């Protein structure tokens, strides 16, 4: 009888004795994480890197206006014609003017042009080639008439723009020097881990040669600055003027270009963002060779895969990017990719969500043949696409022109359980809702208040182009495909909707036909 109590007392004393005595329930404590200590000093590394980091000063002409000399008196405020305040202020201002300058009419002295002045901005950069190639942010030199690069020894060199990437916010400059310049190298940003030590060097507030230290706080940040956002977040102090400067790892390699900060006050609060070097170095190479970026282009318009979208097409999770449309004659159309496909993998890389795909495609070499894994008709298929260079102004995907739907008119129908009425696209209805003559599909004529369609943002005048990725040409087609989904106990039905804002896929929850709300 004392044996169990003895075991309990011993377990309380030595921790794991009780559990280890029973072979079927062995518990092993995880080994503690061992963190590498901070360097005793960053001084040697900073001394090595500082000469290759430069300050950048850019200036541009700026015309402003000025009021006439003070003796002409205060300026007359603007009032609507006939306002009683106009006469009041005219009399008042006349009394304030020196004798000889008083007049009967409203005295509104003409504004005069100031002499031309120079607006200046300051930023940072770093030298990547001894011949004088300097990397910085595009926003540091955007609109500049003159650009100067200031070395650590205060030597000032005039710079010219080799190329710029406005979308990715990267610019490449060239300076001429009588002697070889110190350089730094790009490192592998993918090898950097959250928690790694980093150094930021730059020109905050024009102070020049400033070194700050911190860690990699996060990876893959999308701060909605562009379609290719994949920023490294760091708590190394980054302030105004640090833009374009390098973020170094402890090997002295550039793993990022310091580009943006999050700050309510304008100063550093420990949330800075850097363009990863693996993205930047390919763009820099293209700027050097071509003067502009040459990004891969697939020619698709995409949307996020929601849980309802995934369920409607039989996909287990929400990974991937759904194709909402393809560009006529683009690589996707040539590869037989079509609206409703979900891109799961591109060139061997998993597409986690819609935000990942543009970056993966853009980083792929122009002209390369890539395997694209799609989810279509409830299974995976693989197609091959040959990438083109991204055009400067991509055409928006649209419905195919030139073909009129061969649809026999039929009566308007109530789409039971989905809260809307649908009708064939007659010439009269196209005219009423200002729909193009070549539009195909089935028209939504009424949306019931509180119904499923209203909840999903559908409205009268929208056109149902596809149901479950199959084209529809009559209300009967729509009803047939909706009922087919219901018969399979599907939770939602997927529709391709053409609206005023473009084409999009909309999953509509299915319920048993019943009472809908009344039209609103």
Protein backbone atom coordinates (compact mmCIF):
# COMPACT_ATOMS: atom_id res chain seq x y z
CA UNK A 1 0.00 0.00 0.00
CA UNK A 2 2.90 2.36 0.49
CA UNK A 3 4.46 1.63 -2.85
CA UNK A 4 2.34 4.00 -4.94
CA UNK A 5 2.84 6.86 -2.51
CA UNK A 6 6.58 6.28 -2.60
CA UNK A 7 6.56 6.48 -6.37
CA UNK A 8 4.59 9.73 -6.19
CA UNK A 9 7.04 11.31 -3.74
CA UNK A 10 10.02 10.31 -5.83
CA UNK A 11 8.38 11.60 -9.00
CA UNK A 12 7.81 14.96 -7.40
CA UNK A 13 11.48 15.09 -6.46
CA UNK A 14 13.26 13.95 -9.60
CA UNK A 15 10.79 14.91 -12.25
CA UNK A 16 10.75 12.21 -14.92
CA UNK A 17 11.18 9.06 -12.82
CA UNK A 18 7.48 8.22 -12.88
CA UNK A 19 7.05 8.52 -16.62
CA UNK A 20 10.26 6.69 -17.41
CA UNK A 21 9.15 3.73 -15.31
CA UNK A 22 6.32 3.06 -17.79
CA UNK A 23 7.77 2.16 -21.22
CA UNK A 24 4.58 2.98 -23.17
CA UNK A 25 4.49 6.64 -22.10
CA UNK A 26 8.08 7.82 -22.41
CA UNK A 27 8.43 11.60 -22.44
CA UNK A 28 11.64 13.30 -23.56
CA UNK A 29 12.32 16.94 -22.94
CA UNK A 30 13.26 18.93 -26.05
CA UNK A 31 16.84 20.10 -26.19
CA UNK A 32 17.12 23.80 -25.40
CA UNK A 33 17.74 26.11 -28.37
CA UNK A 34 21.28 27.44 -28.42
CA UNK A 35 21.60 30.99 -29.69
CA UNK A 36 24.83 32.36 -31.07
CA UNK A 37 26.02 35.29 -29.05
CA UNK A 38 26.19 38.82 -30.41
CA UNK A 39 29.58 39.87 -31.80
CA UNK A 40 31.82 41.67 -29.35
CA UNK A 41 31.94 44.50 -31.88
CA UNK A 42 30.82 45.30 -35.42
CA UNK A 43 33.75 47.70 -35.85
CA UNK A 44 35.98 45.56 -38.10
CA UNK A 45 33.08 44.66 -40.38
CA UNK A 46 31.85 48.26 -40.54
CA UNK A 47 35.33 49.56 -41.35
CA UNK A 48 35.55 47.10 -44.23
CA UNK A 49 32.13 47.99 -45.68
CA UNK A 50 31.85 51.74 -45.17
CA UNK A 51 34.05 52.81 -48.13
CA UNK A 52 31.71 51.08 -50.63
CA UNK A 53 28.56 52.75 -49.28
CA UNK A 54 27.83 56.16 -50.81
CA UNK A 55 25.58 59.13 -50.20
CA UNK A 56 23.40 60.20 -53.10
CA UNK A 57 22.19 63.74 -53.66
CA UNK A 58 19.71 64.45 -56.43
CA UNK A 59 18.25 67.78 -57.47
CA UNK A 60 15.60 69.02 -59.84
CA UNK A 61 14.23 72.35 -60.98
CA UNK A 62 11.17 73.64 -59.17
CA UNK A 63 9.12 76.67 -60.16
CA UNK A 64 7.07 78.36 -57.45
CA UNK A 65 5.06 81.54 -57.29
CA UNK A 66 5.37 84.44 -54.92
CA UNK A 67 3.29 87.37 -53.91
CA UNK A 68 4.28 90.87 -55.07
CA UNK A 69 6.43 93.04 -52.78
CA UNK A 70 4.93 93.92 -49.41
CA UNK A 71 4.20 97.54 -50.39
CA UNK A 72 1.45 96.29 -52.69
CA UNK A 73 -0.53 95.30 -49.59
CA UNK A 74 -2.39 92.20 -48.51
CA UNK A 75 -3.89 89.95 -51.12
CA UNK A 76 -7.62 89.95 -51.77
CA UNK A 77 -9.30 86.67 -50.73
CA UNK A 78 -11.42 84.85 -53.29
CA UNK A 79 -15.20 85.06 -52.96
CA UNK A 80 -18.08 84.04 -55.21
CA UNK A 81 -19.08 86.83 -57.63
CA UNK A 82 -21.56 89.23 -56.00
CA UNK A 83 -20.74 88.08 -52.45
CA UNK A 84 -21.29 90.87 -49.86
CA UNK A 85 -17.90 89.99 -48.39
CA UNK A 86 -16.19 91.02 -51.61
CA UNK A 87 -17.08 94.71 -51.20
CA UNK A 88 -16.24 94.60 -47.49
CA UNK A 89 -12.75 93.21 -48.05
CA UNK A 90 -12.13 95.48 -51.02
CA UNK A 91 -12.79 98.55 -48.92
CA UNK A 92 -10.77 97.20 -46.02
CA UNK A 93 -7.74 96.29 -48.14
CA UNK A 94 -7.83 99.60 -49.99
CA UNK A 95 -7.46 101.37 -46.65
CA UNK A 96 -4.39 99.27 -45.89
CA UNK A 97 -2.57 100.14 -49.12
CA UNK A 98 -0.20 103.11 -49.37
CA UNK A 99 -1.57 106.28 -50.99
CA UNK A 100 -1.40 106.13 -54.75
CA UNK A 101 -2.00 102.39 -54.81
CA UNK A 102 -5.67 102.50 -53.86
CA UNK A 103 -8.16 101.73 -56.59
CA UNK A 104 -11.86 101.32 -57.13
CA UNK A 105 -11.93 97.76 -58.37
CA UNK A 106 -10.90 94.65 -56.49
CA UNK A 107 -7.15 94.78 -56.09
CA UNK A 108 -5.86 91.27 -56.67
CA UNK A 109 -2.17 91.66 -57.35
CA UNK A 110 -0.87 89.24 -59.91
CA UNK A 111 1.26 86.41 -58.57
CA UNK A 112 4.81 86.49 -59.84
CA UNK A 113 7.13 83.64 -60.70
CA UNK A 114 9.97 83.11 -58.27
CA UNK A 115 13.43 82.61 -59.70
CA UNK A 116 14.10 78.95 -60.44
CA UNK A 117 15.16 77.03 -57.36
CA UNK A 118 16.59 73.55 -56.87
CA UNK A 119 14.74 70.91 -54.90
CA UNK A 120 17.13 68.39 -53.36
CA UNK A 121 16.69 64.92 -51.94
CA UNK A 122 19.16 62.71 -50.16
CA UNK A 123 19.55 58.96 -50.16
CA UNK A 124 22.07 56.14 -50.05
CA UNK A 125 23.60 53.62 -52.39
CA UNK A 126 26.42 51.11 -52.73
CA UNK A 127 29.10 50.35 -55.30
CA UNK A 128 28.96 46.89 -56.91
CA UNK A 129 31.63 47.33 -59.61
CA UNK A 130 35.04 49.00 -59.40
CA UNK A 131 34.35 50.73 -62.72
CA UNK A 132 31.66 52.81 -60.99
CA UNK A 133 28.29 51.03 -60.94
CA UNK A 134 26.13 52.15 -58.02
CA UNK A 135 22.83 50.61 -56.86
CA UNK A 136 20.11 52.65 -55.15
CA UNK A 137 16.31 52.99 -55.00
CA UNK A 138 14.51 54.48 -57.97
CA UNK A 139 12.57 56.85 -55.71
CA UNK A 140 15.87 58.39 -54.55
CA UNK A 141 16.67 59.71 -58.04
CA UNK A 142 13.19 59.89 -59.59
CA UNK A 143 12.65 63.11 -61.53
CA UNK A 144 16.21 64.32 -60.89
CA UNK A 145 18.02 66.63 -63.30
CA UNK A 146 21.36 66.11 -61.59
CA UNK A 147 22.63 63.24 -59.47
CA UNK A 148 25.75 63.31 -57.33
CA UNK A 149 27.43 60.42 -55.56
CA UNK A 150 29.50 61.30 -52.49
CA UNK A 151 32.15 58.81 -51.41
CA UNK A 152 33.28 58.23 -47.84
CA UNK A 153 36.26 60.60 -48.32
CA UNK A 154 33.79 63.32 -49.44
CA UNK A 155 34.77 63.03 -53.10
CA UNK A 156 31.77 64.07 -55.18
CA UNK A 157 31.17 62.40 -58.55
CA UNK A 158 28.50 63.19 -61.11
CA UNK A 159 26.32 60.18 -61.90
CA UNK A 160 24.29 59.13 -64.88
CA UNK A 161 21.37 56.71 -64.90
CA UNK A 162 22.14 53.36 -66.52
CA UNK A 163 18.63 52.02 -66.00
CA UNK A 164 15.72 52.07 -63.61
CA UNK A 165 12.93 49.81 -62.51
CA UNK A 166 9.99 51.87 -61.32
CA UNK A 167 7.86 48.89 -60.28
CA UNK A 168 10.59 47.24 -58.23
CA UNK A 169 12.04 50.58 -57.04
CA UNK A 170 15.63 49.86 -58.12
CA UNK A 171 18.00 52.12 -60.06
CA UNK A 172 21.51 51.59 -61.41
CA UNK A 173 23.88 54.56 -61.72
CA UNK A 174 27.34 54.97 -63.22
CA UNK A 175 30.10 57.30 -62.02
CA UNK A 176 33.57 57.89 -63.46
CA UNK A 177 36.58 57.84 -61.18
CA UNK A 178 40.32 58.13 -61.76
CA UNK A 179 40.94 55.21 -59.42
CA UNK A 180 39.26 51.86 -58.79
CA UNK A 181 36.43 52.13 -56.36
CA UNK A 182 35.77 49.85 -53.35
CA UNK A 183 32.94 47.42 -53.92
CA UNK A 184 30.58 45.12 -52.04
CA UNK A 185 28.94 41.93 -53.29
CA UNK A 186 25.40 40.61 -53.29
CA UNK A 187 24.82 37.67 -50.97
CA UNK A 188 22.12 35.00 -50.84
CA UNK A 189 19.08 36.55 -49.18
CA UNK A 190 17.33 33.17 -49.13
CA UNK A 191 19.98 31.92 -46.70
CA UNK A 192 19.13 34.63 -44.16
CA UNK A 193 16.98 33.47 -41.30
CA UNK A 194 14.73 35.31 -38.92
CA UNK A 195 16.92 36.26 -35.97
CA UNK A 196 20.17 36.64 -37.95
CA UNK A 197 22.28 39.71 -37.20
CA UNK A 198 22.37 42.42 -39.91
CA UNK A 199 24.01 45.82 -40.43
CA UNK A 200 22.44 48.77 -42.21
CA UNK A 201 24.74 51.49 -43.52
CA UNK A 202 23.50 54.71 -45.11
CA UNK A 203 22.86 58.43 -45.07
CA UNK A 204 19.98 59.04 -42.62
CA UNK A 205 18.85 62.68 -42.55
CA UNK A 206 21.96 63.57 -44.58
CA UNK A 207 24.34 62.60 -41.77
CA UNK A 208 26.26 60.13 -43.95
CA UNK A 209 28.27 57.05 -43.05
CA UNK A 210 25.89 55.84 -40.36
CA UNK A 211 26.01 52.23 -39.17
CA UNK A 212 23.13 50.55 -37.33
CA UNK A 213 22.73 46.94 -36.25
CA UNK A 214 19.74 44.68 -35.70
CA UNK A 215 18.29 41.37 -36.72
CA UNK A 216 16.14 39.98 -39.49
CA UNK A 217 12.69 40.39 -37.95
CA UNK A 218 10.62 38.67 -40.65
CA UNK A 219 10.77 37.40 -44.22
CA UNK A 220 8.45 37.63 -47.20
CA UNK A 221 6.62 40.78 -46.14
CA UNK A 222 3.99 42.13 -48.55
CA UNK A 223 3.55 45.83 -47.74
CA UNK A 224 1.36 46.54 -50.79
CA UNK A 225 3.99 48.67 -52.52
CA UNK A 226 3.84 46.68 -55.75
CA UNK A 227 3.05 43.31 -57.33
CA UNK A 228 6.45 41.82 -56.44
CA UNK A 229 6.62 42.60 -52.71
CA UNK A 230 8.79 40.10 -50.82
CA UNK A 231 10.53 42.36 -48.31
CA UNK A 232 12.94 41.49 -45.54
CA UNK A 233 11.83 43.16 -42.32
CA UNK A 234 14.52 44.34 -39.91
CA UNK A 235 14.74 46.25 -36.66
CA UNK A 236 18.09 47.81 -37.59
CA UNK A 237 17.44 51.56 -37.45
CA UNK A 238 16.45 52.84 -40.89
CA UNK A 239 15.41 56.47 -41.34
CA UNK A 240 14.83 58.98 -44.10
CA UNK A 241 17.95 59.07 -46.23
CA UNK A 242 18.72 55.38 -45.69
CA UNK A 243 16.73 54.56 -48.84
CA UNK A 244 18.87 52.75 -51.37
CA UNK A 245 21.49 51.74 -48.83
CA UNK A 246 22.61 48.16 -48.21
CA UNK A 247 21.57 45.67 -45.56
CA UNK A 248 24.55 43.40 -44.79
CA UNK A 249 24.82 39.97 -43.25
CA UNK A 250 27.70 39.09 -40.95
CA UNK A 251 29.77 37.92 -43.93
CA UNK A 252 29.72 41.45 -45.30
CA UNK A 253 27.45 40.53 -48.23
CA UNK A 254 24.48 42.66 -49.31
CA UNK A 255 21.27 40.75 -48.60
CA UNK A 256 18.88 43.67 -49.06
CA UNK A 257 18.32 47.22 -50.30
CA UNK A 258 16.79 49.37 -47.57
CA UNK A 259 13.65 50.82 -49.11
CA UNK A 260 10.82 51.64 -46.71
CA UNK A 261 9.91 52.07 -43.07
CA UNK A 262 6.71 51.85 -41.11
CA UNK A 263 6.54 54.92 -38.90
CA UNK A 264 3.73 57.16 -37.67
CA UNK A 265 6.31 59.84 -36.81
CA UNK A 266 8.64 59.59 -39.81
CA UNK A 267 11.49 58.26 -37.68
CA UNK A 268 12.63 54.73 -37.00
CA UNK A 269 10.47 52.63 -34.70
CA UNK A 270 12.26 49.40 -35.54
CA UNK A 271 10.19 48.33 -38.54
CA UNK A 272 12.16 48.68 -41.76
CA UNK A 273 11.89 46.87 -45.08
CA UNK A 274 14.55 45.82 -47.57
CA UNK A 275 14.32 44.43 -51.09
CA UNK A 276 15.92 40.94 -50.97
CA UNK A 277 19.23 40.65 -52.81
CA UNK A 278 18.11 37.58 -54.76
CA UNK A 279 15.40 39.70 -56.35
CA UNK A 280 17.57 42.79 -56.74
CA UNK A 281 20.63 41.25 -58.35
CA UNK A 282 18.72 39.84 -61.31
CA UNK A 283 17.07 43.22 -61.90
CA UNK A 284 20.42 45.02 -61.57
CA UNK A 285 21.93 42.68 -64.17
CA UNK A 286 19.06 43.44 -66.55
CA UNK A 287 19.41 47.19 -65.98
CA UNK A 288 23.10 46.91 -66.79
CA UNK A 289 22.52 44.93 -70.01
CA UNK A 290 19.27 46.42 -71.30
CA UNK A 291 18.60 49.62 -69.36
CA UNK A 292 15.25 48.29 -68.18
CA UNK A 293 13.97 45.19 -66.37
CA UNK A 294 13.03 42.15 -68.44
CA UNK A 295 10.57 40.28 -66.29
CA UNK A 296 8.92 37.05 -67.23
CA UNK A 297 5.27 37.35 -68.21
CA UNK A 298 2.57 34.70 -68.35
CA UNK A 299 -0.40 36.83 -69.38
CA UNK A 300 -3.02 35.92 -66.80
CA UNK A 301 -5.33 37.81 -64.51
CA UNK A 302 -5.67 36.02 -61.20
CA UNK A 303 -7.68 36.04 -58.00
CA UNK A 304 -7.34 34.53 -54.55
CA UNK A 305 -8.54 31.00 -53.90
CA UNK A 306 -11.04 31.26 -51.04
CA UNK A 307 -12.34 28.28 -49.06
CA UNK A 308 -15.62 28.47 -50.98
CA UNK A 309 -13.83 28.58 -54.33
CA UNK A 310 -11.70 25.62 -53.33
CA UNK A 311 -14.74 23.61 -52.26
CA UNK A 312 -16.62 24.42 -55.44
CA UNK A 313 -13.87 22.93 -57.62
CA UNK A 314 -13.00 20.03 -55.31
CA UNK A 315 -9.68 21.39 -54.06
CA UNK A 316 -8.63 20.39 -50.54
CA UNK A 317 -7.05 23.71 -49.52
CA UNK A 318 -6.76 27.33 -50.63
CA UNK A 319 -3.26 27.21 -52.07
CA UNK A 320 -2.69 28.38 -55.62
CA UNK A 321 -3.91 31.25 -57.77
CA UNK A 322 -7.14 31.08 -59.77
CA UNK A 323 -7.01 32.27 -63.36
CA UNK A 324 -9.78 34.80 -63.94
CA UNK A 325 -8.75 35.45 -67.53
CA UNK A 326 -5.90 35.28 -70.03
CA UNK A 327 -4.46 37.89 -72.39
CA UNK A 328 -5.19 37.33 -76.06
CA UNK A 329 -2.10 35.90 -77.73
CA UNK A 330 -0.19 35.71 -74.43
CA UNK A 331 1.91 32.78 -73.18
CA UNK A 332 -0.92 31.42 -71.01
CA UNK A 333 -3.41 31.32 -73.87
CA UNK A 334 -0.84 29.64 -76.12
CA UNK A 335 -0.25 27.04 -73.39
CA UNK A 336 -4.02 26.33 -73.26
CA UNK A 337 -4.38 27.78 -69.77
CA UNK A 338 -7.91 29.03 -69.36
CA UNK A 339 -10.17 30.84 -66.95
CA UNK A 340 -11.09 28.75 -63.94
CA UNK A 341 -7.78 26.90 -63.82
CA UNK A 342 -5.95 27.09 -60.51
CA UNK A 343 -2.17 27.37 -60.81
CA UNK A 344 -0.64 25.15 -58.11
CA UNK A 345 2.99 25.05 -59.22
CA UNK A 346 5.08 27.18 -61.56
CA UNK A 347 8.50 26.05 -62.75
CA UNK A 348 8.78 23.63 -59.84
CA UNK A 349 7.84 26.20 -57.18
CA UNK A 350 4.70 25.91 -55.10
CA UNK A 351 2.26 28.80 -55.56
CA UNK A 352 1.10 29.43 -51.98
CA UNK A 353 -1.37 32.16 -52.90
CA UNK A 354 -2.18 34.70 -55.59
CA UNK A 355 0.42 37.18 -54.28
CA UNK A 356 3.26 34.70 -54.79
CA UNK A 357 2.62 34.00 -58.48
CA UNK A 358 3.50 37.43 -60.00
CA UNK A 359 6.85 37.45 -58.17
CA UNK A 360 7.72 33.87 -59.18
CA UNK A 361 6.83 34.55 -62.82
CA UNK A 362 8.67 37.89 -62.88
CA UNK A 363 11.86 36.30 -61.58
CA UNK A 364 11.81 33.63 -64.31
CA UNK A 365 13.97 34.14 -67.38
CA UNK A 366 12.26 35.52 -70.46
CA UNK A 367 11.94 32.84 -73.16
CA UNK A 368 12.22 29.95 -70.72
CA UNK A 369 9.90 26.98 -71.13
CA UNK A 370 8.31 26.18 -67.78
CA UNK A 371 6.02 23.48 -66.45
CA UNK A 372 2.79 24.80 -64.97
CA UNK A 373 0.74 22.49 -62.76
CA UNK A 374 -2.98 23.30 -62.90
CA UNK A 375 -6.09 22.12 -61.08
CA UNK A 376 -8.78 21.57 -63.69
CA UNK A 377 -11.93 19.46 -63.67
CA UNK A 378 -11.12 17.94 -60.30
CA UNK A 379 -7.58 16.78 -61.10
CA UNK A 380 -4.04 18.02 -61.64
CA UNK A 381 -2.74 18.53 -65.16
CA UNK A 382 0.58 19.92 -66.38
CA UNK A 383 1.10 22.25 -69.33
CA UNK A 384 4.22 23.90 -70.75
CA UNK A 385 4.39 27.65 -71.24
CA UNK A 386 7.09 29.77 -72.87
CA UNK A 387 7.42 33.09 -71.07
CA UNK A 388 7.44 36.42 -72.87
CA UNK A 389 8.87 39.70 -71.63
CA UNK A 390 6.36 41.62 -69.56
CA UNK A 391 4.94 44.44 -71.69
CA UNK A 392 4.98 47.91 -70.22
CA UNK A 393 1.23 48.17 -70.50
CA UNK A 394 -0.41 44.77 -70.23
CA UNK A 395 -3.77 44.51 -71.88
CA UNK A 396 -6.54 43.48 -69.56
CA UNK A 397 -8.03 40.09 -70.28
CA UNK A 398 -11.47 40.32 -71.72
CA UNK A 399 -14.13 38.07 -73.12
CA UNK A 400 -13.48 36.91 -76.64
CA UNK A 401 -14.80 39.43 -79.18
CA UNK A 402 -16.24 38.79 -82.56
CA UNK A 403 -18.57 35.94 -81.70
CA UNK A 404 -22.23 36.39 -80.94
CA UNK A 405 -23.94 33.84 -78.72
CA UNK A 406 -26.19 31.49 -80.60
CA UNK A 407 -28.88 31.57 -77.96
CA UNK A 408 -32.56 31.21 -78.59
CA UNK A 409 -34.50 33.68 -76.43
CA UNK A 410 -36.29 32.14 -73.47
CA UNK A 411 -38.29 33.51 -70.58
CA UNK A 412 -36.78 35.12 -67.50
CA UNK A 413 -36.23 32.53 -64.77
CA UNK A 414 -35.95 32.63 -61.00
CA UNK A 415 -32.68 31.01 -59.87
CA UNK A 416 -34.13 29.24 -56.85
CA UNK A 417 -32.12 29.44 -53.64
CA UNK A 418 -29.60 31.95 -55.01
CA UNK A 419 -31.67 35.11 -54.73
CA UNK A 420 -31.71 36.36 -58.31
CA UNK A 421 -33.53 36.28 -61.62
CA UNK A 422 -31.77 35.56 -64.89
CA UNK A 423 -32.63 36.13 -68.51
CA UNK A 424 -31.15 35.53 -71.95
CA UNK A 425 -29.08 38.39 -73.34
CA UNK A 426 -31.48 40.00 -75.81
CA UNK A 427 -30.63 43.08 -77.84
CA UNK A 428 -33.11 45.11 -75.77
CA UNK A 429 -31.53 44.06 -72.47
CA UNK A 430 -28.03 44.71 -73.76
CA UNK A 431 -29.11 48.20 -74.67
CA UNK A 432 -30.86 48.73 -71.33
CA UNK A 433 -27.86 47.64 -69.24
CA UNK A 434 -25.24 49.07 -71.65
CA UNK A 435 -23.69 45.69 -72.39
CA UNK A 436 -21.45 45.21 -75.40
CA UNK A 437 -23.02 43.64 -78.48
CA UNK A 438 -20.60 40.69 -78.45
CA UNK A 439 -21.03 39.77 -74.79
CA UNK A 440 -21.85 36.11 -74.18
CA UNK A 441 -23.67 34.60 -71.22
CA UNK A 442 -26.85 34.98 -69.19
CA UNK A 443 -28.01 38.28 -67.74
CA UNK A 444 -28.85 38.86 -64.08
CA UNK A 445 -31.99 41.00 -64.19
CA UNK A 446 -32.95 41.06 -60.48
CA UNK A 447 -31.10 40.53 -57.21
CA UNK A 448 -33.18 39.86 -54.11
CA UNK A 449 -32.43 41.78 -50.97
CA UNK A 450 -30.82 39.55 -48.33
CA UNK A 451 -30.27 36.72 -50.81
CA UNK A 452 -27.08 34.84 -51.61
CA UNK A 453 -26.38 36.81 -54.80
CA UNK A 454 -26.73 40.14 -52.98
CA UNK A 455 -24.39 38.95 -50.23
CA UNK A 456 -21.77 38.18 -52.87
CA UNK A 457 -22.03 41.61 -54.47
CA UNK A 458 -23.90 40.62 -57.62
CA UNK A 459 -26.25 43.15 -59.12
CA UNK A 460 -28.63 43.60 -62.05
CA UNK A 461 -26.67 44.01 -65.26
CA UNK A 462 -23.98 41.48 -64.33
CA UNK A 463 -23.57 38.61 -66.78
CA UNK A 464 -23.04 34.95 -65.88
CA UNK A 465 -20.44 33.73 -68.38
CA UNK A 466 -19.69 30.30 -66.93
CA UNK A 467 -21.06 27.95 -64.30
CA UNK A 468 -18.59 25.40 -62.92
CA UNK A 469 -16.12 26.43 -65.63
CA UNK A 470 -18.53 25.60 -68.45
CA UNK A 471 -19.96 28.31 -70.70
CA UNK A 472 -23.65 29.06 -70.43
CA UNK A 473 -25.88 30.59 -73.09
CA UNK A 474 -29.38 30.40 -71.60
CA UNK A 475 -31.11 30.44 -68.19
CA UNK A 476 -31.75 26.72 -68.65
CA UNK A 477 -28.00 26.09 -68.90
CA UNK A 478 -27.43 27.91 -65.61
CA UNK A 479 -30.24 26.10 -63.79
CA UNK A 480 -29.08 22.71 -65.08
CA UNK A 481 -25.53 23.18 -63.81
CA UNK A 482 -26.65 24.60 -60.47
CA UNK A 483 -28.94 21.63 -59.90
CA UNK A 484 -26.13 19.26 -60.87
CA UNK A 485 -24.02 20.74 -58.07
CA UNK A 486 -26.89 20.35 -55.63
CA UNK A 487 -27.38 16.73 -56.61
CA UNK A 488 -23.73 16.06 -55.73
CA UNK A 489 -24.24 17.67 -52.30
CA UNK A 490 -21.75 20.43 -53.14
CA UNK A 491 -21.75 23.35 -50.74
CA UNK A 492 -21.28 26.01 -53.45
CA UNK A 493 -21.46 26.63 -57.16
CA UNK A 494 -18.77 28.58 -59.02
CA UNK A 495 -19.78 31.27 -61.49
CA UNK A 496 -17.71 33.46 -63.77
CA UNK A 497 -19.26 36.93 -63.65
CA UNK A 498 -18.70 39.75 -66.11
CA UNK A 499 -19.47 43.06 -64.44
CA UNK A 500 -18.58 46.70 -64.86
CA UNK A 501 -15.37 46.10 -62.88
CA UNK A 502 -14.24 43.21 -65.08
CA UNK A 503 -14.39 39.43 -64.92
CA UNK A 504 -14.21 37.53 -61.64
CA UNK A 505 -15.08 34.12 -60.23
CA UNK A 506 -17.74 34.13 -57.53
CA UNK A 507 -18.62 31.08 -55.41
CA UNK A 508 -22.28 31.09 -54.36
CA UNK A 509 -23.31 28.96 -51.36
CA UNK A 510 -25.94 26.43 -52.24
CA UNK A 511 -29.02 25.78 -50.18
CA UNK A 512 -32.19 23.88 -50.88
CA UNK A 513 -34.65 25.88 -52.97
CA UNK A 514 -36.98 27.79 -50.69
CA UNK A 515 -38.25 31.22 -50.02
CA UNK A 516 -36.05 34.00 -51.28
CA UNK A 517 -36.23 37.57 -50.12
CA UNK A 518 -38.08 40.02 -52.29
CA UNK A 519 -36.32 42.08 -54.94
CA UNK A 520 -34.81 45.23 -53.50
